[in-house]
Amino acid sequence: MCSTIKIVMKNLILNQRAERDNLASRPYYTRHNIQDVSSYLESNVIKLITGPRRAGKSVYAMQILSGKNYAYLNFDDNQLLGGFNEDSVMQALAEVYPGYEYLLLDEVQNLKSWDVWVSKLYRRGVNLIITGSNANLLSSEMATFLTGRYVEILILPFSMKETLKYKGMSMQSELPNQKAALALEMEDYLIKGGYPEILNNREIEQGYLSALFDSIILKDVAKRHKIRKTTELYDLADYLISNYSNTLSYNDIAEDLSLGSVTTVKKFCGYLAEPYLFYFLPRYNNKLKERKKAPRKVYVVDNGFIYTRSFELSGNSGRQLENLVFVELLRRGYDLKKSLFYYRTSNDKEIDFVTRKGRTVTSLIQVCYDISKPKTRTRELEALVKASEELNCENLLLITWNHDENTEYKGKEIHIVSVKEWF
């Protein structure tokens, strides 16, 4: 029986090697605005690559390991999960990948007690690269077992800049026909997002993203948390998508969806945040207790999901642009627990984003698609000035769709920048 298990495991890993080689042989775009992990390769520190499904984590891992002798295990494989035996796996890896220098573990969070096994591999000196699609599970477990022994790299869908470069377009185009083509591509990205596999196949966008959305809800949320009645989960997810870039409280959600208890809503929202599908931005307040009590703003990891799942009859460009800016701030390393918030002034004016370093507020950011109307322009500038006075911050930024200007308003210098220039 033991011999049979070893043969089965070796054949499974041989099949996975063929899949790995097939994936690695394809031409891929080199990602930008991502922390360079190559400098960590020779170190024994664990390279943890996180982010939503299908954003390019595995491809990125294979790119940095190109030309290296590395072994590969994909835990998005029920056969491997069902027949996992540590000794058989390690023996099969040694036979299939003789002398391997690195071990790539793909979607490792699917393995029961993965953290214990990873800790053991680390202690044995195995050079590990890990990918995963569950924020809470990976971060909390890694922090518990391997504090200070790993570096985390977040991979999100393509940014606007990456998308345009991938399509061979320059953001500095000057010729009229180039500018027109660039404007169309930017509008396309604003609406349909940047998931890699559909950049050249926009006609399959809705089907692809709808299937991906269902996979995340069913596999990464319902199955993991043993939720049998998925209707409430889907209702909540669709409600959140319909209210993207808006402020929501758990009480409001519970009442609007008749979900019974606020505790259930809070728990389900946490589940939907785990696979990097939704983000809940806290309100800035120096008092932690007040920050936790305040309503949060909800954002979606990619505008394509909004296009696919939202019930909007026509797109809301302002909210789409705000969602796009939020995700880009994540790419730039801002953290919802430490350095990125929204804010409400004492006269109830909202600031879309507050960035912070340590105890210092470093910038105030407003997002408005079109400020051509004087009333709209005044509203946005008034909010920035008021927040500047309250938070003692002079770095004031207003991101628009296509307007660039440095202006002074009530003694404050404000940078108005188009989203193209901001990227």
Protein backbone atom coordinates (compact mmCIF):
# COMPACT_ATOMS: atom_id res chain seq x y z
CA MET A 1 0.00 0.00 0.00
CA CYS A 2 2.82 2.38 0.95
CA SER A 3 4.55 1.71 -2.35
CA THR A 4 1.31 2.38 -4.24
CA ILE A 5 0.88 5.75 -2.48
CA LYS A 6 4.42 6.74 -3.45
CA ILE A 7 3.85 5.79 -7.09
CA VAL A 8 0.56 7.71 -7.22
CA MET A 9 2.18 10.76 -5.62
CA LYS A 10 5.14 10.66 -8.00
CA ASN A 11 2.84 10.43 -11.02
CA LEU A 12 0.77 13.34 -9.71
CA ILE A 13 3.85 15.50 -9.23
CA LEU A 14 5.13 14.50 -12.69
CA ASN A 15 1.81 15.69 -14.14
CA GLN A 16 2.11 18.95 -12.19
CA ARG A 17 5.63 19.39 -13.53
CA ALA A 18 4.29 19.11 -17.08
CA GLU A 19 1.68 21.77 -16.23
CA ARG A 20 4.37 23.99 -14.71
CA ASP A 21 6.62 23.66 -17.76
CA ASN A 22 3.72 24.44 -20.07
CA LEU A 23 2.81 27.56 -18.09
CA ALA A 24 6.41 28.72 -17.78
CA SER A 25 7.06 28.33 -21.52
CA ARG A 26 4.46 30.91 -22.52
CA PRO A 27 5.40 34.54 -23.20
CA TYR A 28 4.39 36.82 -20.36
CA TYR A 29 4.42 40.54 -19.69
CA THR A 30 6.86 41.74 -17.03
CA ARG A 31 4.92 43.34 -14.21
CA HIS A 32 5.67 46.88 -13.05
CA ASN A 33 5.14 48.68 -9.73
CA ILE A 34 5.73 45.42 -7.85
CA GLN A 35 8.33 45.05 -5.14
CA ASP A 36 11.38 43.32 -6.59
CA VAL A 37 11.69 39.97 -4.84
CA SER A 38 14.66 38.71 -6.84
CA SER A 39 17.05 40.18 -4.26
CA TYR A 40 15.52 37.85 -1.67
CA LEU A 41 15.92 34.68 -3.75
CA GLU A 42 19.24 33.61 -2.29
CA SER A 43 18.06 34.37 1.23
CA ASN A 44 16.25 31.77 3.30
CA VAL A 45 13.48 34.29 4.03
CA ILE A 46 10.13 32.97 2.75
CA LYS A 47 8.83 34.77 -0.33
CA LEU A 48 5.05 35.10 0.18
CA ILE A 49 3.19 36.20 -2.97
CA THR A 50 -0.42 37.12 -2.24
CA GLY A 51 -3.41 38.56 -4.08
CA PRO A 52 -6.72 37.60 -5.70
CA ARG A 53 -7.17 34.59 -7.94
CA ARG A 54 -6.07 34.93 -11.58
CA ALA A 55 -4.16 38.17 -10.97
CA GLY A 56 -0.84 36.60 -11.98
CA LYS A 57 0.76 35.32 -8.74
CA SER A 58 1.89 31.97 -10.16
CA VAL A 59 3.20 33.57 -13.35
CA TYR A 60 5.14 36.15 -11.33
CA ALA A 61 6.65 33.40 -9.18
CA MET A 62 7.71 31.45 -12.27
CA GLN A 63 9.19 34.58 -13.83
CA ILE A 64 11.47 35.26 -10.88
CA LEU A 65 12.45 31.55 -10.81
CA SER A 66 13.12 31.37 -14.55
CA GLY A 67 16.39 29.55 -15.19
CA LYS A 68 16.47 28.19 -11.64
CA ASN A 69 16.14 24.58 -10.55
CA TYR A 70 12.88 24.69 -8.63
CA ALA A 71 10.26 22.16 -7.56
CA TYR A 72 6.55 22.89 -7.80
CA LEU A 73 3.40 21.86 -5.94
CA ASN A 74 -0.03 23.19 -6.87
CA PHE A 75 -2.55 22.89 -4.04
CA ASP A 76 -5.45 23.86 -6.26
CA ASP A 77 -5.51 20.12 -7.00
CA ASN A 78 -7.98 17.89 -5.16
CA GLN A 79 -5.88 14.79 -5.87
CA LEU A 80 -2.88 16.29 -4.13
CA LEU A 81 -4.97 17.53 -1.21
CA GLY A 82 -6.84 14.26 -0.84
CA GLY A 83 -3.75 12.05 -0.90
CA PHE A 84 -1.26 14.37 0.75
CA ASN A 85 1.38 12.53 2.73
CA GLU A 86 4.39 14.55 3.79
CA ASP A 87 7.00 11.80 3.44
CA SER A 88 5.69 10.62 0.06
CA VAL A 89 5.54 14.18 -1.25
CA MET A 90 9.11 15.01 -0.22
CA GLN A 91 10.44 11.78 -1.68
CA ALA A 92 8.56 12.32 -4.96
CA LEU A 93 9.83 15.92 -5.19
CA ALA A 94 13.42 14.72 -4.76
CA GLU A 95 12.95 12.18 -7.56
CA VAL A 96 11.07 14.46 -9.98
CA TYR A 97 13.26 17.52 -9.31
CA PRO A 98 16.71 16.16 -8.35
CA GLY A 99 18.84 18.73 -6.55
CA TYR A 100 16.16 21.44 -6.60
CA GLU A 101 17.18 24.73 -4.99
CA TYR A 102 13.75 26.28 -4.50
CA LEU A 103 10.28 24.98 -3.71
CA LEU A 104 7.25 26.83 -5.10
CA LEU A 105 4.03 26.11 -3.22
CA ASP A 106 1.03 27.39 -5.17
CA GLU A 107 -2.22 28.28 -3.31
CA VAL A 108 -0.83 26.64 -0.18
CA GLN A 109 -3.70 27.84 2.02
CA ASN A 110 -5.83 25.00 0.62
CA LEU A 111 -3.73 22.44 2.52
CA LYS A 112 -4.94 21.66 6.03
CA SER A 113 -2.37 22.69 8.66
CA TRP A 114 -0.19 24.14 5.93
CA ASP A 115 1.45 26.51 8.39
CA VAL A 116 2.88 23.68 10.49
CA TRP A 117 4.34 22.00 7.39
CA VAL A 118 5.77 25.26 6.03
CA SER A 119 7.40 25.98 9.40
CA LYS A 120 9.02 22.56 9.32
CA LEU A 121 10.31 23.09 5.77
CA TYR A 122 11.70 26.47 6.78
CA ARG A 123 13.56 24.99 9.74
CA ARG A 124 15.07 22.40 7.42
CA GLY A 125 16.47 25.17 5.26
CA VAL A 126 14.18 24.74 2.22
CA ASN A 127 14.13 27.96 0.15
CA LEU A 128 10.40 28.63 -0.18
CA ILE A 129 8.28 30.71 -2.53
CA ILE A 130 4.60 30.59 -1.57
CA THR A 131 1.51 31.93 -3.32
CA GLY A 132 -1.90 32.30 -1.76
CA SER A 133 -5.31 33.91 -2.20
CA ASN A 134 -6.46 34.30 1.38
CA ALA A 135 -5.37 37.47 3.17
CA ASN A 136 -6.36 36.69 6.76
CA LEU A 137 -5.30 33.06 6.74
CA LEU A 138 -1.88 33.70 5.22
CA SER A 139 -0.98 36.90 7.04
CA SER A 140 -2.17 35.81 10.48
CA GLU A 141 -0.61 32.36 10.31
CA MET A 142 2.67 33.60 8.85
CA ALA A 143 2.86 36.30 11.51
CA THR A 144 2.20 33.71 14.23
CA PHE A 145 4.67 31.04 13.12
CA LEU A 146 7.25 32.96 11.11
CA THR A 147 7.45 36.51 12.42
CA GLY A 148 10.26 38.35 10.67
CA ARG A 149 11.08 35.36 8.47
CA TYR A 150 9.08 36.24 5.36
CA VAL A 151 8.59 39.04 2.87
CA GLU A 152 5.13 39.62 1.37
CA ILE A 153 4.51 40.74 -2.21
CA LEU A 154 0.98 41.76 -3.24
CA ILE A 155 -0.03 40.99 -6.84
CA LEU A 156 -3.17 42.75 -8.09
CA PRO A 157 -4.73 42.91 -11.57
CA PHE A 158 -2.92 45.13 -14.08
CA SER A 159 -2.82 48.85 -13.33
CA MET A 160 -3.84 51.39 -15.97
CA LYS A 161 -0.17 52.07 -16.71
CA GLU A 162 0.61 48.35 -17.09
CA THR A 163 -2.44 47.80 -19.28
CA LEU A 164 -1.51 50.60 -21.67
CA LYS A 165 2.12 49.45 -21.85
CA TYR A 166 0.96 45.89 -22.47
CA LYS A 167 -1.08 47.18 -25.41
CA GLY A 168 1.93 49.09 -26.76
CA MET A 169 0.56 52.54 -25.95
CA SER A 170 2.42 55.49 -24.49
CA MET A 171 0.76 57.65 -21.85
CA GLN A 172 2.71 60.58 -23.33
CA SER A 173 1.20 60.26 -26.83
CA GLU A 174 1.15 63.62 -28.68
CA LEU A 175 -0.32 62.93 -32.14
CA PRO A 176 -4.11 63.47 -32.39
CA ASN A 177 -4.89 59.91 -33.51
CA GLN A 178 -2.66 58.50 -30.74
CA LYS A 179 -4.35 60.70 -28.15
CA ALA A 180 -7.77 59.54 -29.31
CA ALA A 181 -6.75 55.87 -29.16
CA LEU A 182 -5.22 56.41 -25.71
CA ALA A 183 -8.41 58.06 -24.43
CA LEU A 184 -10.49 55.09 -25.64
CA GLU A 185 -8.17 52.58 -23.97
CA MET A 186 -8.24 54.53 -20.71
CA GLU A 187 -12.05 54.61 -20.72
CA ASP A 188 -12.05 50.89 -21.47
CA TYR A 189 -9.79 50.24 -18.48
CA LEU A 190 -11.89 52.45 -16.22
CA ILE A 191 -14.95 50.36 -17.01
CA LYS A 192 -13.57 46.86 -17.55
CA GLY A 193 -10.49 46.70 -15.33
CA GLY A 194 -7.19 44.93 -15.74
CA TYR A 195 -7.44 41.17 -15.26
CA PRO A 196 -4.55 39.81 -17.39
CA GLU A 197 -6.36 37.06 -19.29
CA ILE A 198 -8.99 39.34 -20.79
CA LEU A 199 -6.91 42.34 -21.85
CA ASN A 200 -6.80 41.03 -25.41
CA ASN A 201 -10.20 39.32 -25.23
CA ARG A 202 -12.65 41.94 -24.04
CA GLU A 203 -15.52 40.09 -25.69
CA ILE A 204 -15.27 37.31 -23.06
CA GLU A 205 -15.02 39.76 -20.16
CA GLN A 206 -18.47 39.31 -18.65
CA GLY A 207 -18.46 35.52 -18.83
CA TYR A 208 -14.88 35.24 -17.55
CA LEU A 209 -15.29 37.62 -14.61
CA SER A 210 -18.71 36.28 -13.68
CA ALA A 211 -17.27 32.74 -13.51
CA LEU A 212 -14.26 33.99 -11.53
CA PHE A 213 -16.55 35.83 -9.12
CA ASP A 214 -18.61 32.66 -8.57
CA SER A 215 -15.43 30.62 -8.04
CA ILE A 216 -14.18 33.02 -5.37
CA ILE A 217 -17.55 33.10 -3.58
CA LEU A 218 -18.07 29.33 -3.66
CA LYS A 219 -14.53 27.99 -3.29
CA ASP A 220 -12.74 30.63 -1.24
CA VAL A 221 -15.63 31.72 0.97
CA ALA A 222 -18.58 29.30 1.14
CA LYS A 223 -16.56 26.09 1.06
CA ARG A 224 -13.81 27.33 3.38
CA HIS A 225 -16.27 28.60 5.98
CA LYS A 226 -18.81 25.80 5.47
CA ILE A 227 -21.64 28.12 4.48
CA ARG A 228 -24.47 25.95 3.16
CA LYS A 229 -26.99 28.67 2.33
CA THR A 230 -25.06 30.75 -0.17
CA THR A 231 -27.99 33.00 -1.14
CA GLU A 232 -27.31 35.44 1.70
CA LEU A 233 -23.63 35.49 0.80
CA TYR A 234 -24.37 36.31 -2.84
CA ASP A 235 -26.93 38.94 -1.83
CA LEU A 236 -24.33 40.61 0.35
CA ALA A 237 -21.63 40.45 -2.35
CA ASP A 238 -23.96 41.97 -4.96
CA TYR A 239 -25.05 44.63 -2.48
CA LEU A 240 -21.43 45.58 -1.78
CA ILE A 241 -20.61 45.77 -5.49
CA SER A 242 -23.64 47.97 -6.10
CA ASN A 243 -22.45 50.28 -3.31
CA TYR A 244 -18.76 50.40 -4.23
CA SER A 245 -16.98 53.65 -3.23
CA ASN A 246 -19.81 54.38 -0.78
CA THR A 247 -19.85 54.55 3.00
CA LEU A 248 -21.66 51.66 4.68
CA SER A 249 -22.30 50.57 8.24
CA TYR A 250 -22.95 47.01 9.32
CA ASN A 251 -26.29 48.13 10.73
CA ASP A 252 -27.37 49.60 7.39
CA ILE A 253 -26.43 46.41 5.55
CA ALA A 254 -28.24 44.18 8.03
CA GLU A 255 -31.37 46.31 7.74
CA ASP A 256 -31.32 46.66 3.94
CA LEU A 257 -30.75 42.93 3.34
CA SER A 258 -32.75 41.62 6.33
CA LEU A 259 -29.78 39.48 7.33
CA GLY A 260 -30.87 39.27 10.94
CA SER A 261 -27.87 40.21 13.02
CA VAL A 262 -25.10 42.76 12.68
CA THR A 263 -22.71 40.05 13.86
CA THR A 264 -23.56 37.93 10.81
CA VAL A 265 -23.02 40.87 8.47
CA LYS A 266 -19.66 41.70 10.04
CA LYS A 267 -18.58 38.06 9.82
CA PHE A 268 -19.66 37.70 6.18
CA CYS A 269 -17.94 40.97 5.20
CA GLY A 270 -14.76 39.62 6.76
CA TYR A 271 -15.12 36.42 4.74
CA LEU A 272 -15.53 38.41 1.50
CA ALA A 273 -12.41 40.43 2.26
CA GLU A 274 -10.23 37.35 2.77
CA PRO A 275 -9.85 36.42 -0.94
CA TYR A 276 -8.96 40.03 -1.85
CA LEU A 277 -12.37 40.59 -3.44
CA PHE A 278 -13.61 43.48 -1.26
CA TYR A 279 -11.84 46.06 0.86
CA PHE A 280 -13.32 48.05 3.74
CA LEU A 281 -11.60 51.39 4.27
CA PRO A 282 -11.75 52.77 7.84
CA ARG A 283 -12.39 56.41 8.75
CA TYR A 284 -9.38 58.30 10.04
CA ASN A 285 -9.49 59.01 13.75
CA ASN A 286 -6.64 59.14 16.26
CA LYS A 287 -8.82 57.21 18.71
CA LEU A 288 -8.86 53.52 17.77
CA LYS A 289 -12.22 52.93 19.46
CA GLU A 290 -13.88 55.68 17.39
CA ARG A 291 -12.22 54.40 14.21
CA LYS A 292 -13.64 50.93 14.74
CA LYS A 293 -17.17 52.26 15.37
CA ALA A 294 -17.34 54.49 12.27
CA PRO A 295 -18.86 53.29 8.98
CA ARG A 296 -16.41 52.07 6.34
CA LYS A 297 -16.12 52.68 2.62
CA VAL A 298 -16.31 49.61 0.42
CA TYR A 299 -14.13 49.01 -2.65
CA VAL A 300 -13.75 46.18 -5.17
CA VAL A 301 -10.41 44.73 -6.25
CA ASP A 302 -11.03 45.42 -9.95
CA ASN A 303 -13.50 47.60 -11.86
CA GLY A 304 -14.28 44.67 -14.13
CA PHE A 305 -16.30 43.04 -11.35
CA ILE A 306 -18.35 46.23 -11.06
CA TYR A 307 -19.00 46.15 -14.80
CA THR A 308 -19.98 42.47 -14.63
CA ARG A 309 -21.98 42.32 -11.39
CA SER A 310 -23.28 45.80 -10.57
CA PHE A 311 -26.92 46.63 -11.20
CA GLU A 312 -26.10 50.11 -12.50
CA LEU A 313 -27.95 50.85 -15.72
CA SER A 314 -25.05 53.07 -16.77
CA GLY A 315 -21.58 53.40 -15.29
CA ASN A 316 -20.88 56.00 -12.62
CA SER A 317 -17.58 57.47 -13.80
CA GLY A 318 -16.89 59.27 -10.53
CA ARG A 319 -17.23 56.19 -8.38
CA GLN A 320 -15.38 54.05 -10.92
CA LEU A 321 -12.45 56.48 -10.87
CA GLU A 322 -12.42 56.51 -7.07
CA ASN A 323 -12.35 52.71 -6.97
CA LEU A 324 -9.52 52.69 -9.51
CA VAL A 325 -7.50 55.17 -7.43
CA PHE A 326 -8.07 53.14 -4.26
CA VAL A 327 -6.69 49.95 -5.83
CA GLU A 328 -3.69 51.87 -7.17
CA LEU A 329 -2.96 53.13 -3.65
CA LEU A 330 -2.88 49.50 -2.53
CA ARG A 331 -0.37 48.78 -5.30
CA ARG A 332 1.77 51.60 -3.99
CA GLY A 333 2.00 49.93 -0.60
CA TYR A 334 -0.62 51.70 1.50
CA ASP A 335 -2.19 49.60 4.23
CA LEU A 336 -5.80 49.78 5.47
CA LYS A 337 -4.73 49.15 9.06
CA LYS A 338 -1.89 51.65 9.24
CA SER A 339 -1.56 54.14 6.42
CA LEU A 340 -4.75 54.53 4.35
CA PHE A 341 -8.11 55.95 5.49
CA TYR A 342 -10.98 58.23 4.52
CA TYR A 343 -12.01 61.22 6.61
CA ARG A 344 -15.00 63.36 7.53
CA THR A 345 -14.41 66.94 8.61
CA SER A 346 -16.18 68.61 11.51
CA ASN A 347 -18.66 70.12 9.03
CA ASP A 348 -19.28 66.69 7.43
CA LYS A 349 -17.22 67.09 4.26
CA GLU A 350 -15.69 63.84 3.06
CA ILE A 351 -12.06 63.34 2.05
CA ASP A 352 -11.74 60.24 -0.10
CA PHE A 353 -8.25 59.22 1.04
CA VAL A 354 -5.94 60.15 3.88
CA THR A 355 -2.42 58.70 3.82
CA ARG A 356 -0.32 58.47 6.94
CA LYS A 357 3.22 57.56 7.90
CA GLY A 358 3.61 56.85 11.59
CA ARG A 359 1.59 59.53 13.37
CA THR A 360 1.92 62.05 10.56
CA VAL A 361 -0.75 62.62 7.90
CA THR A 362 1.25 62.76 4.65
CA SER A 363 -1.44 63.58 2.05
CA LEU A 364 -5.13 64.30 1.52
CA ILE A 365 -6.59 63.02 -1.75
CA GLN A 366 -9.90 63.84 -3.38
CA VAL A 367 -11.15 62.06 -6.51
CA CYS A 368 -13.59 63.74 -8.88
CA TYR A 369 -14.09 62.71 -12.51
CA ASP A 370 -15.13 66.15 -13.79
CA ILE A 371 -14.59 69.51 -12.05
CA SER A 372 -15.65 71.70 -14.98
CA LYS A 373 -18.72 72.93 -13.07
CA PRO A 374 -17.81 75.74 -10.63
CA LYS A 375 -20.02 74.27 -7.90
CA THR A 376 -18.31 70.88 -8.13
CA ARG A 377 -14.84 72.42 -8.16
CA THR A 378 -15.60 74.57 -5.11
CA ARG A 379 -17.03 71.59 -3.21
CA GLU A 380 -13.86 69.53 -3.70
CA LEU A 381 -11.47 72.38 -2.89
CA GLU A 382 -13.47 73.40 0.22
CA ALA A 383 -13.26 69.85 1.57
CA LEU A 384 -9.48 69.71 1.07
CA VAL A 385 -8.90 73.07 2.74
CA LYS A 386 -11.07 72.19 5.74
CA ALA A 387 -9.38 68.81 6.20
CA SER A 388 -5.97 70.43 5.78
CA GLU A 389 -6.69 72.72 8.70
CA GLU A 390 -8.00 69.91 10.90
CA LEU A 391 -5.28 67.35 10.12
CA ASN A 392 -2.37 69.77 9.74
CA CYS A 393 -1.46 68.53 6.26
CA GLU A 394 -0.38 70.74 3.35
CA ASN A 395 0.01 68.02 0.69
CA LEU A 396 -3.37 68.38 -1.05
CA LEU A 397 -4.23 66.44 -4.21
CA LEU A 398 -7.33 66.40 -6.40
CA ILE A 399 -7.33 63.58 -8.99
CA THR A 400 -9.57 64.13 -12.02
CA TRP A 401 -10.06 62.35 -15.31
CA ASN A 402 -8.39 64.82 -17.64
CA HIS A 403 -7.58 68.11 -15.89
CA ASP A 404 -4.12 69.24 -14.71
CA GLU A 405 -3.54 72.44 -12.77
CA ASN A 406 -1.78 73.81 -9.72
CA THR A 407 -4.04 76.26 -7.92
CA GLU A 408 -4.28 78.20 -4.68
CA TYR A 409 -7.52 78.22 -2.72
CA LYS A 410 -8.01 80.09 0.54
CA GLY A 411 -4.25 80.26 1.08
CA LYS A 412 -3.68 76.53 0.38
CA GLU A 413 -1.76 75.17 -2.60
CA ILE A 414 -3.69 72.33 -4.25
CA HIS A 415 -2.41 70.05 -7.00
CA ILE A 416 -5.11 69.11 -9.50
CA VAL A 417 -3.87 66.20 -11.58
CA SER A 418 -5.37 64.01 -14.30
CA VAL A 419 -5.39 60.28 -13.64
CA LYS A 420 -3.05 59.79 -16.61
CA GLU A 421 -0.42 62.07 -15.05
CA TRP A 422 -0.96 60.54 -11.61
CA PHE A 423 -0.13 57.09 -12.99
